[in-house]
Amino acid sequence: MHQSNSSPGFTPLHASKHNSLLGYRSDAQAAELYDEAMQRQHAVLGLLCALSGTSILNELSDEPLAGCMQAIRLLCSDAAGLYSAAWESMQQGTT
């Protein structure tokens, strides 16, 4: 992850997306980034557990179910970006 030139102190969560609105403080420590990634991962697991535990899942219309799948995709993507940033931050701290 590279710091954005347009907004000092802000690193886009997904550096490959030039119009990324989501990001994190450039001075965030690896542990902070890791904790944020874990929160998103736990949210995904909670959503999957809720979906798998409902007896009316087959009765959900396509729109709410698609919204749940989109939420899972976004949370997983954000978690992956944060894990990557935590790893990079840790590597920079040890060199």
PDB file of N, CA and C in Angstrom:
ATOM      1  N   MET A   1       0.836  -1.168   0.000  1.00  0.00           N
ATOM      2  CA  MET A   1       0.000   0.000   0.000  1.00  0.00           C
ATOM      3  C   MET A   1       0.887   1.238   0.000  1.00  0.00           C
ATOM      4  N   HIS A   2       0.553   2.192  -0.845  1.00  0.00           N
ATOM      5  CA  HIS A   2       1.337   3.405  -0.946  1.00  0.00           C
ATOM      6  C   HIS A   2       0.493   4.586  -0.546  1.00  0.00           C
ATOM      7  N   GLN A   3       1.122   5.546   0.107  1.00  0.00           N
ATOM      8  CA  GLN A   3       0.412   6.734   0.540  1.00  0.00           C
ATOM      9  C   GLN A   3      -0.071   7.516  -0.661  1.00  0.00           C
ATOM     10  N   SER A   4      -1.277   8.020  -0.581  1.00  0.00           N
ATOM     11  CA  SER A   4      -1.850   8.809  -1.659  1.00  0.00           C
ATOM     12  C   SER A   4      -1.201  10.190  -1.696  1.00  0.00           C
ATOM     13  N   ASN A   5      -0.863  10.656  -2.889  1.00  0.00           N
ATOM     14  CA  ASN A   5      -0.285  11.985  -3.024  1.00  0.00           C
ATOM     15  C   ASN A   5      -1.333  13.070  -2.873  1.00  0.00           C
ATOM     16  N   SER A   6      -2.587  12.752  -3.142  1.00  0.00           N
ATOM     17  CA  SER A   6      -3.642  13.759  -3.105  1.00  0.00           C
ATOM     18  C   SER A   6      -4.137  14.034  -1.691  1.00  0.00           C
ATOM     19  N   SER A   7      -3.909  13.154  -0.778  1.00  0.00           N
ATOM     20  CA  SER A   7      -4.406  13.335   0.577  1.00  0.00           C
ATOM     21  C   SER A   7      -3.365  12.853   1.574  1.00  0.00           C
ATOM     22  N   PRO A   8      -2.485  13.759   2.021  1.00  0.00           N
ATOM     23  CA  PRO A   8      -1.422  13.347   2.943  1.00  0.00           C
ATOM     24  C   PRO A   8      -1.997  12.701   4.206  1.00  0.00           C
ATOM     25  N   GLY A   9      -1.336  11.659   4.650  1.00  0.00           N
ATOM     26  CA  GLY A   9      -1.774  10.990   5.862  1.00  0.00           C
ATOM     27  C   GLY A   9      -2.833   9.938   5.628  1.00  0.00           C
ATOM     28  N   PHE A  10      -3.201   9.698   4.390  1.00  0.00           N
ATOM     29  CA  PHE A  10      -4.250   8.740   4.045  1.00  0.00           C
ATOM     30  C   PHE A  10      -3.697   7.755   3.029  1.00  0.00           C
ATOM     31  N   THR A  11      -3.828   6.473   3.314  1.00  0.00           N
ATOM     32  CA  THR A  11      -3.413   5.436   2.379  1.00  0.00           C
ATOM     33  C   THR A  11      -4.656   4.716   1.883  1.00  0.00           C
ATOM     34  N   PRO A  12      -4.898   4.683   0.575  1.00  0.00           N
ATOM     35  CA  PRO A  12      -6.066   3.969   0.059  1.00  0.00           C
ATOM     36  C   PRO A  12      -6.016   2.502   0.449  1.00  0.00           C
ATOM     37  N   LEU A  13      -7.150   1.948   0.795  1.00  0.00           N
ATOM     38  CA  LEU A  13      -7.230   0.554   1.181  1.00  0.00           C
ATOM     39  C   LEU A  13      -6.851  -0.350   0.022  1.00  0.00           C
ATOM     40  N   HIS A  14      -7.247   0.041  -1.161  1.00  0.00           N
ATOM     41  CA  HIS A  14      -6.936  -0.735  -2.359  1.00  0.00           C
ATOM     42  C   HIS A  14      -6.161   0.173  -3.306  1.00  0.00           C
ATOM     43  N   ALA A  15      -4.847   0.098  -3.236  1.00  0.00           N
ATOM     44  CA  ALA A  15      -3.984   1.002  -4.002  1.00  0.00           C
ATOM     45  C   ALA A  15      -4.203   0.894  -5.507  1.00  0.00           C
ATOM     46  N   SER A  16      -4.673  -0.250  -5.974  1.00  0.00           N
ATOM     47  CA  SER A  16      -4.883  -0.421  -7.411  1.00  0.00           C
ATOM     48  C   SER A  16      -6.112   0.330  -7.910  1.00  0.00           C
ATOM     49  N   LYS A  17      -6.963   0.765  -6.989  1.00  0.00           N
ATOM     50  CA  LYS A  17      -8.154   1.529  -7.373  1.00  0.00           C
ATOM     51  C   LYS A  17      -7.868   3.007  -7.123  1.00  0.00           C
ATOM     52  N   HIS A  18      -7.709   3.768  -8.183  1.00  0.00           N
ATOM     53  CA  HIS A  18      -7.296   5.160  -8.074  1.00  0.00           C
ATOM     54  C   HIS A  18      -8.359   6.051  -7.444  1.00  0.00           C
ATOM     55  N   ASN A  19      -9.600   5.653  -7.471  1.00  0.00           N
ATOM     56  CA  ASN A  19     -10.663   6.466  -6.895  1.00  0.00           C
ATOM     57  C   ASN A  19     -11.155   5.895  -5.567  1.00  0.00           C
ATOM     58  N   SER A  20     -10.300   5.153  -4.873  1.00  0.00           N
ATOM     59  CA  SER A  20     -10.678   4.521  -3.615  1.00  0.00           C
ATOM     60  C   SER A  20     -11.013   5.570  -2.560  1.00  0.00           C
ATOM     61  N   LEU A  21     -12.182   5.455  -1.973  1.00  0.00           N
ATOM     62  CA  LEU A  21     -12.594   6.352  -0.901  1.00  0.00           C
ATOM     63  C   LEU A  21     -12.263   5.781   0.467  1.00  0.00           C
ATOM     64  N   LEU A  22     -12.045   4.484   0.528  1.00  0.00           N
ATOM     65  CA  LEU A  22     -11.734   3.842   1.791  1.00  0.00           C
ATOM     66  C   LEU A  22     -10.234   3.757   1.974  1.00  0.00           C
ATOM     67  N   GLY A  23      -9.800   3.949   3.190  1.00  0.00           N
ATOM     68  CA  GLY A  23      -8.386   3.860   3.469  1.00  0.00           C
ATOM     69  C   GLY A  23      -8.129   3.838   4.957  1.00  0.00           C
ATOM     70  N   TYR A  24      -6.912   4.123   5.310  1.00  0.00           N
ATOM     71  CA  TYR A  24      -6.515   4.125   6.712  1.00  0.00           C
ATOM     72  C   TYR A  24      -5.428   5.173   6.911  1.00  0.00           C
ATOM     73  N   ARG A  25      -5.216   5.542   8.170  1.00  0.00           N
ATOM     74  CA  ARG A  25      -4.164   6.503   8.486  1.00  0.00           C
ATOM     75  C   ARG A  25      -2.815   5.937   8.059  1.00  0.00           C
ATOM     76  N   SER A  26      -2.030   6.735   7.416  1.00  0.00           N
ATOM     77  CA  SER A  26      -0.721   6.270   6.958  1.00  0.00           C
ATOM     78  C   SER A  26       0.205   5.934   8.110  1.00  0.00           C
ATOM     79  N   ASP A  27      -0.059   6.509   9.274  1.00  0.00           N
ATOM     80  CA  ASP A  27       0.795   6.238  10.433  1.00  0.00           C
ATOM     81  C   ASP A  27       0.242   5.117  11.319  1.00  0.00           C
ATOM     82  N   ALA A  28      -0.782   4.407  10.835  1.00  0.00           N
ATOM     83  CA  ALA A  28      -1.375   3.313  11.623  1.00  0.00           C
ATOM     84  C   ALA A  28      -0.356   2.199  11.819  1.00  0.00           C
ATOM     85  N   GLN A  29      -0.321   1.670  13.026  1.00  0.00           N
ATOM     86  CA  GLN A  29       0.581   0.578  13.368  1.00  0.00           C
ATOM     87  C   GLN A  29       0.031  -0.743  12.826  1.00  0.00           C
ATOM     88  N   ALA A  30       0.914  -1.712  12.656  1.00  0.00           N
ATOM     89  CA  ALA A  30       0.519  -3.021  12.132  1.00  0.00           C
ATOM     90  C   ALA A  30      -0.576  -3.648  12.984  1.00  0.00           C
ATOM     91  N   ALA A  31      -0.473  -3.517  14.307  1.00  0.00           N
ATOM     92  CA  ALA A  31      -1.475  -4.112  15.197  1.00  0.00           C
ATOM     93  C   ALA A  31      -2.855  -3.489  14.993  1.00  0.00           C
ATOM     94  N   GLU A  32      -2.906  -2.188  14.755  1.00  0.00           N
ATOM     95  CA  GLU A  32      -4.178  -1.515  14.505  1.00  0.00           C
ATOM     96  C   GLU A  32      -4.813  -2.014  13.209  1.00  0.00           C
ATOM     97  N   LEU A  33      -3.997  -2.122  12.167  1.00  0.00           N
ATOM     98  CA  LEU A  33      -4.497  -2.601  10.881  1.00  0.00           C
ATOM     99  C   LEU A  33      -4.974  -4.038  10.983  1.00  0.00           C
ATOM    100  N   TYR A  34      -4.218  -4.846  11.704  1.00  0.00           N
ATOM    101  CA  TYR A  34      -4.579  -6.247  11.903  1.00  0.00           C
ATOM    102  C   TYR A  34      -5.913  -6.351  12.655  1.00  0.00           C
ATOM    103  N   ASP A  35      -6.090  -5.534  13.692  1.00  0.00           N
ATOM    104  CA  ASP A  35      -7.344  -5.544  14.458  1.00  0.00           C
ATOM    105  C   ASP A  35      -8.531  -5.165  13.580  1.00  0.00           C
ATOM    106  N   GLU A  36      -8.338  -4.167  12.721  1.00  0.00           N
ATOM    107  CA  GLU A  36      -9.416  -3.761  11.812  1.00  0.00           C
ATOM    108  C   GLU A  36      -9.756  -4.881  10.839  1.00  0.00           C
ATOM    109  N   ALA A  37      -8.733  -5.571  10.342  1.00  0.00           N
ATOM    110  CA  ALA A  37      -8.963  -6.699   9.435  1.00  0.00           C
ATOM    111  C   ALA A  37      -9.729  -7.804  10.158  1.00  0.00           C
ATOM    112  N   MET A  38      -9.348  -8.079  11.399  1.00  0.00           N
ATOM    113  CA  MET A  38     -10.033  -9.118  12.179  1.00  0.00           C
ATOM    114  C   MET A  38     -11.505  -8.768  12.409  1.00  0.00           C
ATOM    115  N   GLN A  39     -11.796  -7.490  12.658  1.00  0.00           N
ATOM    116  CA  GLN A  39     -13.184  -7.064  12.854  1.00  0.00           C
ATOM    117  C   GLN A  39     -14.014  -7.342  11.607  1.00  0.00           C
ATOM    118  N   ARG A  40     -13.463  -7.059  10.452  1.00  0.00           N
ATOM    119  CA  ARG A  40     -14.187  -7.317   9.206  1.00  0.00           C
ATOM    120  C   ARG A  40     -14.363  -8.811   8.969  1.00  0.00           C
ATOM    121  N   GLN A  41     -13.333  -9.573   9.274  1.00  0.00           N
ATOM    122  CA  GLN A  41     -13.427 -11.019   9.104  1.00  0.00           C
ATOM    123  C   GLN A  41     -14.489 -11.603  10.044  1.00  0.00           C
ATOM    124  N   HIS A  42     -14.540 -11.140  11.273  1.00  0.00           N
ATOM    125  CA  HIS A  42     -15.559 -11.617  12.217  1.00  0.00           C
ATOM    126  C   HIS A  42     -16.961 -11.199  11.768  1.00  0.00           C
ATOM    127  N   ALA A  43     -17.070 -10.007  11.170  1.00  0.00           N
ATOM    128  CA  ALA A  43     -18.373  -9.563  10.659  1.00  0.00           C
ATOM    129  C   ALA A  43     -18.844 -10.477   9.538  1.00  0.00           C
ATOM    130  N   VAL A  44     -17.933 -10.867   8.661  1.00  0.00           N
ATOM    131  CA  VAL A  44     -18.282 -11.790   7.573  1.00  0.00           C
ATOM    132  C   VAL A  44     -18.741 -13.126   8.147  1.00  0.00           C
ATOM    133  N   LEU A  45     -17.988 -13.644   9.105  1.00  0.00           N
ATOM    134  CA  LEU A  45     -18.368 -14.923   9.709  1.00  0.00           C
ATOM    135  C   LEU A  45     -19.725 -14.838  10.393  1.00  0.00           C
ATOM    136  N   GLY A  46     -19.985 -13.717  11.067  1.00  0.00           N
ATOM    137  CA  GLY A  46     -21.285 -13.524  11.700  1.00  0.00           C
ATOM    138  C   GLY A  46     -22.415 -13.493  10.691  1.00  0.00           C
ATOM    139  N   LEU A  47     -22.198 -12.811   9.588  1.00  0.00           N
ATOM    140  CA  LEU A  47     -23.218 -12.744   8.532  1.00  0.00           C
ATOM    141  C   LEU A  47     -23.448 -14.117   7.919  1.00  0.00           C
ATOM    142  N   LEU A  48     -22.369 -14.853   7.659  1.00  0.00           N
ATOM    143  CA  LEU A  48     -22.516 -16.199   7.102  1.00  0.00           C
ATOM    144  C   LEU A  48     -23.241 -17.125   8.084  1.00  0.00           C
ATOM    145  N   CYS A  49     -22.939 -17.007   9.367  1.00  0.00           N
ATOM    146  CA  CYS A  49     -23.628 -17.828  10.373  1.00  0.00           C
ATOM    147  C   CYS A  49     -25.108 -17.481  10.418  1.00  0.00           C
ATOM    148  N   ALA A  50     -25.421 -16.195  10.349  1.00  0.00           N
ATOM    149  CA  ALA A  50     -26.827 -15.781  10.369  1.00  0.00           C
ATOM    150  C   ALA A  50     -27.563 -16.318   9.148  1.00  0.00           C
ATOM    151  N   LEU A  51     -26.920 -16.220   7.991  1.00  0.00           N
ATOM    152  CA  LEU A  51     -27.556 -16.719   6.770  1.00  0.00           C
ATOM    153  C   LEU A  51     -27.727 -18.233   6.800  1.00  0.00           C
ATOM    154  N   SER A  52     -26.722 -18.925   7.308  1.00  0.00           N
ATOM    155  CA  SER A  52     -26.808 -20.390   7.319  1.00  0.00           C
ATOM    156  C   SER A  52     -27.752 -20.903   8.390  1.00  0.00           C
ATOM    157  N   GLY A  53     -28.032 -20.081   9.389  1.00  0.00           N
ATOM    158  CA  GLY A  53     -28.905 -20.514  10.472  1.00  0.00           C
ATOM    159  C   GLY A  53     -30.365 -20.192  10.261  1.00  0.00           C
ATOM    160  N   THR A  54     -30.696 -19.455   9.218  1.00  0.00           N
ATOM    161  CA  THR A  54     -32.085 -19.088   8.999  1.00  0.00           C
ATOM    162  C   THR A  54     -32.818 -20.196   8.243  1.00  0.00           C
ATOM    163  N   SER A  55     -34.024 -20.441   8.667  1.00  0.00           N
ATOM    164  CA  SER A  55     -34.813 -21.484   8.014  1.00  0.00           C
ATOM    165  C   SER A  55     -35.534 -20.952   6.781  1.00  0.00           C
ATOM    166  N   ILE A  56     -35.541 -19.636   6.598  1.00  0.00           N
ATOM    167  CA  ILE A  56     -36.271 -19.056   5.470  1.00  0.00           C
ATOM    168  C   ILE A  56     -35.332 -18.550   4.375  1.00  0.00           C
ATOM    169  N   LEU A  57     -34.087 -19.016   4.366  1.00  0.00           N
ATOM    170  CA  LEU A  57     -33.121 -18.539   3.383  1.00  0.00           C
ATOM    171  C   LEU A  57     -33.637 -18.725   1.958  1.00  0.00           C
ATOM    172  N   ASN A  58     -34.284 -19.847   1.699  1.00  0.00           N
ATOM    173  CA  ASN A  58     -34.812 -20.098   0.353  1.00  0.00           C
ATOM    174  C   ASN A  58     -35.958 -19.166   0.008  1.00  0.00           C
ATOM    175  N   GLU A  59     -36.551 -18.551   1.031  1.00  0.00           N
ATOM    176  CA  GLU A  59     -37.665 -17.653   0.786  1.00  0.00           C
ATOM    177  C   GLU A  59     -37.221 -16.205   0.587  1.00  0.00           C
ATOM    178  N   LEU A  60     -35.946 -15.911   0.840  1.00  0.00           N
ATOM    179  CA  LEU A  60     -35.467 -14.541   0.637  1.00  0.00           C
ATOM    180  C   LEU A  60     -35.492 -14.210  -0.842  1.00  0.00           C
ATOM    181  N   SER A  61     -35.895 -12.981  -1.140  1.00  0.00           N
ATOM    182  CA  SER A  61     -35.888 -12.566  -2.542  1.00  0.00           C
ATOM    183  C   SER A  61     -34.449 -12.318  -2.978  1.00  0.00           C
ATOM    184  N   ASP A  62     -34.262 -12.206  -4.262  1.00  0.00           N
ATOM    185  CA  ASP A  62     -32.919 -12.030  -4.807  1.00  0.00           C
ATOM    186  C   ASP A  62     -32.248 -10.763  -4.307  1.00  0.00           C
ATOM    187  N   GLU A  63     -33.004  -9.690  -4.124  1.00  0.00           N
ATOM    188  CA  GLU A  63     -32.408  -8.410  -3.740  1.00  0.00           C
ATOM    189  C   GLU A  63     -31.753  -8.443  -2.357  1.00  0.00           C
ATOM    190  N   PRO A  64     -32.442  -8.889  -1.299  1.00  0.00           N
ATOM    191  CA  PRO A  64     -31.773  -8.949   0.006  1.00  0.00           C
ATOM    192  C   PRO A  64     -30.606  -9.938   0.028  1.00  0.00           C
ATOM    193  N   LEU A  65     -30.758 -11.047  -0.650  1.00  0.00           N
ATOM    194  CA  LEU A  65     -29.692 -12.043  -0.689  1.00  0.00           C
ATOM    195  C   LEU A  65     -28.478 -11.500  -1.445  1.00  0.00           C
ATOM    196  N   ALA A  66     -28.723 -10.790  -2.542  1.00  0.00           N
ATOM    197  CA  ALA A  66     -27.630 -10.173  -3.297  1.00  0.00           C
ATOM    198  C   ALA A  66     -26.931  -9.118  -2.445  1.00  0.00           C
ATOM    199  N   GLY A  67     -27.694  -8.385  -1.633  1.00  0.00           N
ATOM    200  CA  GLY A  67     -27.109  -7.393  -0.742  1.00  0.00           C
ATOM    201  C   GLY A  67     -26.203  -8.036   0.297  1.00  0.00           C
ATOM    202  N   CYS A  68     -26.611  -9.180   0.817  1.00  0.00           N
ATOM    203  CA  CYS A  68     -25.790  -9.912   1.779  1.00  0.00           C
ATOM    204  C   CYS A  68     -24.503 -10.399   1.122  1.00  0.00           C
ATOM    205  N   MET A  69     -24.613 -10.899  -0.079  1.00  0.00           N
ATOM    206  CA  MET A  69     -23.425 -11.386  -0.786  1.00  0.00           C
ATOM    207  C   MET A  69     -22.472 -10.229  -1.095  1.00  0.00           C
ATOM    208  N   GLN A  70     -23.017  -9.075  -1.448  1.00  0.00           N
ATOM    209  CA  GLN A  70     -22.187  -7.899  -1.717  1.00  0.00           C
ATOM    210  C   GLN A  70     -21.478  -7.457  -0.431  1.00  0.00           C
ATOM    211  N   ALA A  71     -22.188  -7.491   0.695  1.00  0.00           N
ATOM    212  CA  ALA A  71     -21.573  -7.125   1.973  1.00  0.00           C
ATOM    213  C   ALA A  71     -20.432  -8.076   2.312  1.00  0.00           C
ATOM    214  N   ILE A  72     -20.630  -9.355   2.089  1.00  0.00           N
ATOM    215  CA  ILE A  72     -19.585 -10.347   2.348  1.00  0.00           C
ATOM    216  C   ILE A  72     -18.375 -10.073   1.457  1.00  0.00           C
ATOM    217  N   ARG A  73     -18.611  -9.806   0.179  1.00  0.00           N
ATOM    218  CA  ARG A  73     -17.524  -9.535  -0.754  1.00  0.00           C
ATOM    219  C   ARG A  73     -16.735  -8.297  -0.338  1.00  0.00           C
ATOM    220  N   LEU A  74     -17.442  -7.222   0.018  1.00  0.00           N
ATOM    221  CA  LEU A  74     -16.765  -5.992   0.413  1.00  0.00           C
ATOM    222  C   LEU A  74     -15.972  -6.160   1.707  1.00  0.00           C
ATOM    223  N   LEU A  75     -16.566  -6.824   2.682  1.00  0.00           N
ATOM    224  CA  LEU A  75     -15.863  -7.038   3.944  1.00  0.00           C
ATOM    225  C   LEU A  75     -14.624  -7.901   3.764  1.00  0.00           C
ATOM    226  N   CYS A  76     -14.735  -8.939   2.941  1.00  0.00           N
ATOM    227  CA  CYS A  76     -13.568  -9.797   2.675  1.00  0.00           C
ATOM    228  C   CYS A  76     -12.481  -9.019   1.950  1.00  0.00           C
ATOM    229  N   SER A  77     -12.867  -8.205   0.996  1.00  0.00           N
ATOM    230  CA  SER A  77     -11.906  -7.408   0.244  1.00  0.00           C
ATOM    231  C   SER A  77     -11.197  -6.410   1.158  1.00  0.00           C
ATOM    232  N   ASP A  78     -11.962  -5.743   2.024  1.00  0.00           N
ATOM    233  CA  ASP A  78     -11.369  -4.795   2.963  1.00  0.00           C
ATOM    234  C   ASP A  78     -10.444  -5.506   3.944  1.00  0.00           C
ATOM    235  N   ALA A  79     -10.861  -6.654   4.438  1.00  0.00           N
ATOM    236  CA  ALA A  79     -10.023  -7.410   5.375  1.00  0.00           C
ATOM    237  C   ALA A  79      -8.711  -7.799   4.706  1.00  0.00           C
ATOM    238  N   ALA A  80      -8.778  -8.249   3.469  1.00  0.00           N
ATOM    239  CA  ALA A  80      -7.556  -8.633   2.746  1.00  0.00           C
ATOM    240  C   ALA A  80      -6.629  -7.433   2.583  1.00  0.00           C
ATOM    241  N   GLY A  81      -7.172  -6.282   2.243  1.00  0.00           N
ATOM    242  CA  GLY A  81      -6.369  -5.075   2.104  1.00  0.00           C
ATOM    243  C   GLY A  81      -5.716  -4.665   3.415  1.00  0.00           C
ATOM    244  N   LEU A  82      -6.458  -4.789   4.506  1.00  0.00           N
ATOM    245  CA  LEU A  82      -5.914  -4.433   5.819  1.00  0.00           C
ATOM    246  C   LEU A  82      -4.865  -5.427   6.291  1.00  0.00           C
ATOM    247  N   TYR A  83      -5.092  -6.710   6.044  1.00  0.00           N
ATOM    248  CA  TYR A  83      -4.066  -7.706   6.389  1.00  0.00           C
ATOM    249  C   TYR A  83      -2.776  -7.419   5.617  1.00  0.00           C
ATOM    250  N   SER A  84      -2.905  -7.086   4.345  1.00  0.00           N
ATOM    251  CA  SER A  84      -1.749  -6.772   3.518  1.00  0.00           C
ATOM    252  C   SER A  84      -1.027  -5.542   4.060  1.00  0.00           C
ATOM    253  N   ALA A  85      -1.782  -4.521   4.419  1.00  0.00           N
ATOM    254  CA  ALA A  85      -1.177  -3.302   4.963  1.00  0.00           C
ATOM    255  C   ALA A  85      -0.504  -3.577   6.299  1.00  0.00           C
ATOM    256  N   ALA A  86      -1.111  -4.422   7.129  1.00  0.00           N
ATOM    257  CA  ALA A  86      -0.498  -4.781   8.411  1.00  0.00           C
ATOM    258  C   ALA A  86       0.823  -5.493   8.181  1.00  0.00           C
ATOM    259  N   TRP A  87       0.850  -6.396   7.217  1.00  0.00           N
ATOM    260  CA  TRP A  87       2.075  -7.125   6.901  1.00  0.00           C
ATOM    261  C   TRP A  87       3.165  -6.169   6.416  1.00  0.00           C
ATOM    262  N   GLU A  88       2.803  -5.255   5.505  1.00  0.00           N
ATOM    263  CA  GLU A  88       3.766  -4.289   5.008  1.00  0.00           C
ATOM    264  C   GLU A  88       4.279  -3.394   6.127  1.00  0.00           C
ATOM    265  N   SER A  89       3.395  -2.965   7.007  1.00  0.00           N
ATOM    266  CA  SER A  89       3.792  -2.116   8.127  1.00  0.00           C
ATOM    267  C   SER A  89       4.738  -2.864   9.054  1.00  0.00           C
ATOM    268  N   MET A  90       4.458  -4.113   9.286  1.00  0.00           N
ATOM    269  CA  MET A  90       5.322  -4.932  10.151  1.00  0.00           C
ATOM    270  C   MET A  90       6.690  -5.109   9.499  1.00  0.00           C
ATOM    271  N   GLN A  91       6.715  -5.342   8.190  1.00  0.00           N
ATOM    272  CA  GLN A  91       7.977  -5.517   7.477  1.00  0.00           C
ATOM    273  C   GLN A  91       8.812  -4.236   7.518  1.00  0.00           C
ATOM    274  N   GLN A  92       8.167  -3.097   7.369  1.00  0.00           N
ATOM    275  CA  GLN A  92       8.892  -1.827   7.405  1.00  0.00           C
ATOM    276  C   GLN A  92       9.425  -1.554   8.807  1.00  0.00           C
ATOM    277  N   GLY A  93       8.721  -2.003   9.816  1.00  0.00           N
ATOM    278  CA  GLY A  93       9.153  -1.802  11.190  1.00  0.00           C
ATOM    279  C   GLY A  93      10.324  -2.689  11.584  1.00  0.00           C
ATOM    280  N   THR A  94      10.510  -3.808  10.884  1.00  0.00           N
ATOM    281  CA  THR A  94      11.585  -4.733  11.235  1.00  0.00           C
ATOM    282  C   THR A  94      12.834  -4.532  10.389  1.00  0.00           C
ATOM    283  N   THR A  95      12.741  -3.657   9.372  1.00  0.00           N
ATOM    284  CA  THR A  95      13.906  -3.430   8.530  1.00  0.00           C
ATOM    285  C   THR A  95      14.651  -2.181   8.933  1.00  0.00           C
TER     286      THR A  95
END
